[in-house]
Amino acid sequence: MNTLHSIGEVQQAKVLGARLAQIRIRKQLTQQQLADLAGLGLRTVQRLEIGEVSTQLVGFLKVCRVLGLSGRLDALIPEQSESPLERLKQQESPRRRVRLTKPSAPAVAWSWGDTR
């Protein structure tokens, strides 16, 4: 069994591409048919299946949709559940962005180098 979390990203792309090719073949689709159904070019499908890492995510998602795998994408990156305390904080003031904390002021006041 090949677990994806134990290998590097390039190898992960190759494994996922090979899996997509197996599913396509099982569904008796040619690469050209899959490309047409997904609205992609033939070369994009070929790149996905060999795990070429330059392929765009949108192309991958389109192929997943055509092969009937879209419903499984939630398992890939599940929605994060909030704790009751986080929900309460959200009701008070919904968070719209993440802000970095500013560095604290230096302990010694800054002055020009020519003043003594």
N, C-alpha and C. Protein backbone atom coordinates (compact mmCIF):
# COMPACT_ATOMS: atom_id res chain seq x y z
N MET A 1 0.85 -1.19 0.00
CA MET A 1 0.00 0.00 0.00
C MET A 1 0.89 1.24 0.00
N ASN A 2 0.57 2.17 -0.86
CA ASN A 2 1.38 3.37 -1.00
C ASN A 2 0.70 4.52 -0.26
N THR A 3 1.29 4.96 0.83
CA THR A 3 0.72 6.08 1.57
C THR A 3 1.38 7.36 1.09
N LEU A 4 0.56 8.31 0.71
CA LEU A 4 1.06 9.54 0.11
C LEU A 4 1.81 10.43 1.08
N HIS A 5 1.48 10.37 2.36
CA HIS A 5 2.13 11.29 3.30
C HIS A 5 3.59 10.91 3.58
N SER A 6 4.01 9.72 3.17
CA SER A 6 5.37 9.29 3.47
C SER A 6 6.34 9.52 2.31
N ILE A 7 5.88 10.15 1.22
CA ILE A 7 6.75 10.39 0.07
C ILE A 7 6.75 11.88 -0.27
N GLY A 8 7.69 12.30 -1.09
CA GLY A 8 7.81 13.70 -1.47
C GLY A 8 6.73 14.15 -2.44
N GLU A 9 6.65 15.46 -2.65
CA GLU A 9 5.59 16.04 -3.47
C GLU A 9 5.65 15.58 -4.92
N VAL A 10 6.86 15.49 -5.49
CA VAL A 10 6.98 15.07 -6.88
C VAL A 10 6.49 13.64 -7.03
N GLN A 11 6.87 12.78 -6.11
CA GLN A 11 6.43 11.40 -6.15
C GLN A 11 4.92 11.31 -5.90
N GLN A 12 4.40 12.15 -5.03
CA GLN A 12 2.95 12.18 -4.79
C GLN A 12 2.20 12.50 -6.08
N ALA A 13 2.70 13.48 -6.84
CA ALA A 13 2.06 13.86 -8.10
C ALA A 13 2.06 12.69 -9.07
N LYS A 14 3.15 11.93 -9.09
CA LYS A 14 3.23 10.77 -9.99
C LYS A 14 2.25 9.68 -9.57
N VAL A 15 2.15 9.44 -8.28
CA VAL A 15 1.22 8.42 -7.78
C VAL A 15 -0.22 8.82 -8.09
N LEU A 16 -0.57 10.09 -7.81
CA LEU A 16 -1.93 10.56 -8.09
C LEU A 16 -2.23 10.51 -9.58
N GLY A 17 -1.26 10.87 -10.41
CA GLY A 17 -1.45 10.81 -11.85
C GLY A 17 -1.69 9.39 -12.33
N ALA A 18 -0.93 8.45 -11.80
CA ALA A 18 -1.11 7.05 -12.17
C ALA A 18 -2.49 6.55 -11.74
N ARG A 19 -2.95 6.99 -10.58
CA ARG A 19 -4.29 6.60 -10.11
C ARG A 19 -5.36 7.16 -11.03
N LEU A 20 -5.19 8.42 -11.47
CA LEU A 20 -6.16 9.01 -12.40
C LEU A 20 -6.18 8.22 -13.71
N ALA A 21 -5.02 7.82 -14.19
CA ALA A 21 -4.95 7.04 -15.43
C ALA A 21 -5.67 5.70 -15.26
N GLN A 22 -5.48 5.04 -14.12
CA GLN A 22 -6.15 3.76 -13.88
C GLN A 22 -7.67 3.93 -13.87
N ILE A 23 -8.15 4.99 -13.23
CA ILE A 23 -9.59 5.24 -13.18
C ILE A 23 -10.13 5.55 -14.57
N ARG A 24 -9.38 6.35 -15.34
CA ARG A 24 -9.80 6.68 -16.71
C ARG A 24 -9.93 5.41 -17.54
N ILE A 25 -8.94 4.53 -17.44
CA ILE A 25 -8.95 3.28 -18.21
C ILE A 25 -10.11 2.39 -17.76
N ARG A 26 -10.35 2.32 -16.45
CA ARG A 26 -11.45 1.52 -15.92
C ARG A 26 -12.80 2.03 -16.45
N LYS A 27 -12.90 3.35 -16.67
CA LYS A 27 -14.13 3.94 -17.20
C LYS A 27 -14.16 3.90 -18.73
N GLN A 28 -13.17 3.25 -19.32
CA GLN A 28 -13.05 3.06 -20.77
C GLN A 28 -13.08 4.38 -21.54
N LEU A 29 -12.29 5.34 -21.04
CA LEU A 29 -12.13 6.62 -21.71
C LEU A 29 -10.71 6.74 -22.25
N THR A 30 -10.58 7.30 -23.45
CA THR A 30 -9.25 7.61 -23.95
C THR A 30 -8.81 8.93 -23.32
N GLN A 31 -7.53 9.23 -23.43
CA GLN A 31 -7.05 10.51 -22.92
C GLN A 31 -7.73 11.67 -23.65
N GLN A 32 -7.94 11.51 -24.95
CA GLN A 32 -8.59 12.56 -25.73
C GLN A 32 -10.04 12.75 -25.29
N GLN A 33 -10.76 11.65 -25.05
CA GLN A 33 -12.14 11.76 -24.59
C GLN A 33 -12.22 12.47 -23.24
N LEU A 34 -11.31 12.09 -22.33
CA LEU A 34 -11.28 12.73 -21.02
C LEU A 34 -10.98 14.22 -21.16
N ALA A 35 -10.02 14.55 -22.02
CA ALA A 35 -9.67 15.95 -22.24
C ALA A 35 -10.87 16.74 -22.76
N ASP A 36 -11.59 16.16 -23.72
CA ASP A 36 -12.76 16.84 -24.29
C ASP A 36 -13.85 17.04 -23.24
N LEU A 37 -14.12 15.99 -22.45
CA LEU A 37 -15.17 16.08 -21.43
C LEU A 37 -14.81 17.08 -20.33
N ALA A 38 -13.52 17.18 -20.02
CA ALA A 38 -13.08 18.09 -18.96
C ALA A 38 -12.82 19.50 -19.48
N GLY A 39 -12.85 19.68 -20.79
CA GLY A 39 -12.57 21.00 -21.35
C GLY A 39 -11.10 21.36 -21.28
N LEU A 40 -10.25 20.34 -21.39
CA LEU A 40 -8.80 20.54 -21.31
C LEU A 40 -8.15 20.07 -22.60
N GLY A 41 -6.90 20.42 -22.77
CA GLY A 41 -6.14 19.92 -23.89
C GLY A 41 -5.62 18.51 -23.61
N LEU A 42 -5.37 17.77 -24.68
CA LEU A 42 -4.85 16.42 -24.54
C LEU A 42 -3.54 16.42 -23.77
N ARG A 43 -2.67 17.35 -24.06
CA ARG A 43 -1.37 17.41 -23.39
C ARG A 43 -1.52 17.64 -21.88
N THR A 44 -2.52 18.41 -21.46
CA THR A 44 -2.76 18.63 -20.03
C THR A 44 -3.11 17.32 -19.34
N VAL A 45 -3.98 16.53 -19.96
CA VAL A 45 -4.35 15.23 -19.39
C VAL A 45 -3.12 14.32 -19.34
N GLN A 46 -2.33 14.33 -20.39
CA GLN A 46 -1.11 13.51 -20.40
C GLN A 46 -0.17 13.93 -19.27
N ARG A 47 -0.02 15.22 -19.07
CA ARG A 47 0.85 15.71 -17.99
C ARG A 47 0.32 15.31 -16.62
N LEU A 48 -0.99 15.40 -16.44
CA LEU A 48 -1.58 14.99 -15.17
C LEU A 48 -1.28 13.52 -14.89
N GLU A 49 -1.44 12.68 -15.90
CA GLU A 49 -1.28 11.25 -15.71
C GLU A 49 0.17 10.83 -15.46
N ILE A 50 1.12 11.60 -15.95
CA ILE A 50 2.52 11.25 -15.66
C ILE A 50 3.03 11.97 -14.42
N GLY A 51 2.16 12.80 -13.83
CA GLY A 51 2.53 13.47 -12.59
C GLY A 51 3.44 14.66 -12.78
N GLU A 52 3.35 15.29 -13.94
CA GLU A 52 4.17 16.48 -14.18
C GLU A 52 3.68 17.59 -13.26
N VAL A 53 4.56 18.11 -12.45
CA VAL A 53 4.15 19.01 -11.38
C VAL A 53 3.75 20.40 -11.85
N SER A 54 3.99 20.74 -13.10
CA SER A 54 3.63 22.07 -13.57
C SER A 54 2.14 22.18 -13.94
N THR A 55 1.41 21.08 -13.86
CA THR A 55 -0.01 21.10 -14.21
C THR A 55 -0.78 21.93 -13.19
N GLN A 56 -1.74 22.69 -13.68
CA GLN A 56 -2.52 23.55 -12.79
C GLN A 56 -3.56 22.76 -12.02
N LEU A 57 -3.88 23.25 -10.85
CA LEU A 57 -4.86 22.61 -9.98
C LEU A 57 -6.24 22.55 -10.64
N VAL A 58 -6.60 23.57 -11.40
CA VAL A 58 -7.91 23.60 -12.05
C VAL A 58 -8.06 22.43 -13.00
N GLY A 59 -7.01 22.13 -13.74
CA GLY A 59 -7.05 20.98 -14.65
C GLY A 59 -7.25 19.68 -13.89
N PHE A 60 -6.56 19.54 -12.78
CA PHE A 60 -6.71 18.36 -11.93
C PHE A 60 -8.15 18.23 -11.45
N LEU A 61 -8.74 19.34 -11.00
CA LEU A 61 -10.10 19.32 -10.49
C LEU A 61 -11.11 18.99 -11.59
N LYS A 62 -10.88 19.48 -12.80
CA LYS A 62 -11.78 19.17 -13.91
C LYS A 62 -11.75 17.68 -14.24
N VAL A 63 -10.55 17.11 -14.25
CA VAL A 63 -10.42 15.67 -14.51
C VAL A 63 -11.11 14.87 -13.41
N CYS A 64 -10.95 15.28 -12.17
CA CYS A 64 -11.62 14.61 -11.05
C CYS A 64 -13.13 14.65 -11.21
N ARG A 65 -13.65 15.79 -11.66
CA ARG A 65 -15.10 15.92 -11.86
C ARG A 65 -15.58 14.94 -12.92
N VAL A 66 -14.89 14.88 -14.07
CA VAL A 66 -15.30 14.00 -15.15
C VAL A 66 -15.23 12.53 -14.72
N LEU A 67 -14.23 12.18 -13.93
CA LEU A 67 -14.06 10.80 -13.49
C LEU A 67 -14.94 10.45 -12.28
N GLY A 68 -15.73 11.40 -11.82
CA GLY A 68 -16.64 11.14 -10.71
C GLY A 68 -15.97 11.13 -9.35
N LEU A 69 -14.86 11.84 -9.21
CA LEU A 69 -14.12 11.86 -7.95
C LEU A 69 -14.33 13.14 -7.15
N SER A 70 -15.14 14.05 -7.65
CA SER A 70 -15.32 15.34 -6.96
C SER A 70 -15.86 15.18 -5.56
N GLY A 71 -16.73 14.21 -5.35
CA GLY A 71 -17.30 14.00 -4.03
C GLY A 71 -16.28 13.58 -2.99
N ARG A 72 -15.16 13.08 -3.42
CA ARG A 72 -14.12 12.62 -2.49
C ARG A 72 -13.12 13.71 -2.13
N LEU A 73 -13.22 14.86 -2.77
CA LEU A 73 -12.25 15.92 -2.52
C LEU A 73 -12.37 16.49 -1.11
N ASP A 74 -13.55 16.41 -0.52
CA ASP A 74 -13.70 16.88 0.86
C ASP A 74 -12.84 16.08 1.82
N ALA A 75 -12.62 14.82 1.52
CA ALA A 75 -11.76 13.99 2.38
C ALA A 75 -10.31 14.42 2.27
N LEU A 76 -9.95 15.01 1.13
CA LEU A 76 -8.57 15.46 0.93
C LEU A 76 -8.22 16.60 1.87
N ILE A 77 -9.07 17.61 1.91
CA ILE A 77 -8.87 18.75 2.81
C ILE A 77 -10.21 19.01 3.50
N PRO A 78 -10.45 18.35 4.64
CA PRO A 78 -11.75 18.49 5.29
C PRO A 78 -11.96 19.89 5.86
N GLU A 79 -13.22 20.28 5.93
CA GLU A 79 -13.58 21.57 6.52
C GLU A 79 -13.23 21.53 8.01
N GLN A 80 -12.67 22.61 8.48
CA GLN A 80 -12.26 22.68 9.88
C GLN A 80 -13.45 23.03 10.75
N SER A 81 -13.65 22.27 11.81
CA SER A 81 -14.75 22.57 12.72
C SER A 81 -14.27 23.54 13.80
N GLU A 82 -15.18 24.36 14.25
CA GLU A 82 -14.84 25.35 15.27
C GLU A 82 -15.27 24.86 16.64
N SER A 83 -14.51 25.23 17.63
CA SER A 83 -14.89 24.92 19.00
C SER A 83 -15.99 25.89 19.42
N PRO A 84 -16.77 25.55 20.45
CA PRO A 84 -17.82 26.47 20.91
C PRO A 84 -17.26 27.85 21.29
N LEU A 85 -16.07 27.89 21.87
CA LEU A 85 -15.47 29.17 22.23
C LEU A 85 -15.14 29.99 20.99
N GLU A 86 -14.63 29.34 19.94
CA GLU A 86 -14.33 30.06 18.70
C GLU A 86 -15.61 30.59 18.07
N ARG A 87 -16.69 29.80 18.12
CA ARG A 87 -17.97 30.25 17.58
C ARG A 87 -18.48 31.48 18.31
N LEU A 88 -18.32 31.50 19.61
CA LEU A 88 -18.74 32.65 20.41
C LEU A 88 -17.95 33.89 20.03
N LYS A 89 -16.64 33.73 19.84
CA LYS A 89 -15.80 34.86 19.42
C LYS A 89 -16.22 35.36 18.04
N GLN A 90 -16.59 34.44 17.14
CA GLN A 90 -17.02 34.83 15.80
C GLN A 90 -18.29 35.66 15.84
N GLN A 91 -19.20 35.35 16.76
CA GLN A 91 -20.44 36.10 16.87
C GLN A 91 -20.18 37.52 17.32
N GLU A 92 -19.18 37.71 18.16
CA GLU A 92 -18.86 39.04 18.66
C GLU A 92 -18.31 39.92 17.54
N SER A 93 -17.30 39.46 16.89
CA SER A 93 -16.71 40.22 15.79
C SER A 93 -16.08 39.23 14.81
N PRO A 94 -16.69 39.05 13.65
CA PRO A 94 -16.15 38.10 12.69
C PRO A 94 -14.77 38.51 12.20
N ARG A 95 -13.87 37.57 12.17
CA ARG A 95 -12.50 37.84 11.75
C ARG A 95 -12.44 37.90 10.23
N ARG A 96 -11.84 38.93 9.71
CA ARG A 96 -11.78 39.12 8.27
C ARG A 96 -10.38 38.92 7.69
N ARG A 97 -9.37 39.03 8.52
CA ARG A 97 -8.00 38.87 8.02
C ARG A 97 -7.08 38.50 9.17
N VAL A 98 -5.91 38.06 8.79
CA VAL A 98 -4.87 37.74 9.77
C VAL A 98 -3.87 38.87 9.73
N ARG A 99 -3.55 39.40 10.88
CA ARG A 99 -2.59 40.49 10.95
C ARG A 99 -1.37 40.04 11.72
N LEU A 100 -0.23 40.43 11.22
CA LEU A 100 1.01 40.13 11.91
C LEU A 100 1.19 41.10 13.06
N THR A 101 1.77 40.63 14.14
CA THR A 101 2.01 41.53 15.27
C THR A 101 3.21 42.41 14.96
N LYS A 102 3.11 43.65 15.37
CA LYS A 102 4.20 44.59 15.13
C LYS A 102 5.31 44.32 16.14
N PRO A 103 6.56 44.47 15.70
CA PRO A 103 7.65 44.28 16.66
C PRO A 103 7.60 45.36 17.74
N SER A 104 8.01 45.00 18.93
CA SER A 104 7.96 45.97 20.03
C SER A 104 9.02 47.05 19.81
N ALA A 105 8.81 48.20 20.43
CA ALA A 105 9.73 49.33 20.30
C ALA A 105 11.07 48.97 20.94
N PRO A 106 12.17 49.45 20.38
CA PRO A 106 13.47 49.14 20.97
C PRO A 106 13.59 49.73 22.38
N ALA A 107 14.38 49.08 23.21
CA ALA A 107 14.55 49.52 24.60
C ALA A 107 15.26 50.86 24.68
N VAL A 108 16.17 51.12 23.76
CA VAL A 108 16.93 52.38 23.74
C VAL A 108 16.35 53.26 22.64
N ALA A 109 16.11 54.52 22.95
CA ALA A 109 15.57 55.44 21.95
C ALA A 109 16.60 55.64 20.84
N TRP A 110 16.12 55.71 19.62
CA TRP A 110 17.00 55.88 18.47
C TRP A 110 17.41 57.34 18.35
N SER A 111 18.64 57.57 17.93
CA SER A 111 19.10 58.94 17.70
C SER A 111 20.08 58.92 16.53
N TRP A 112 20.29 60.11 15.96
CA TRP A 112 21.23 60.24 14.85
C TRP A 112 22.63 59.90 15.33
N GLY A 113 23.44 59.39 14.44
CA GLY A 113 24.79 58.99 14.80
C GLY A 113 25.72 60.15 15.13
N ASP A 114 25.42 61.39 14.65
CA ASP A 114 26.33 62.51 14.89
C ASP A 114 26.03 63.25 16.19
N THR A 115 24.97 62.93 16.89
CA THR A 115 24.70 63.58 18.17
C THR A 115 25.29 62.76 19.30
N ARG A 116 25.85 63.48 20.28
CA ARG A 116 26.50 62.74 21.38
C ARG A 116 26.00 63.17 22.70
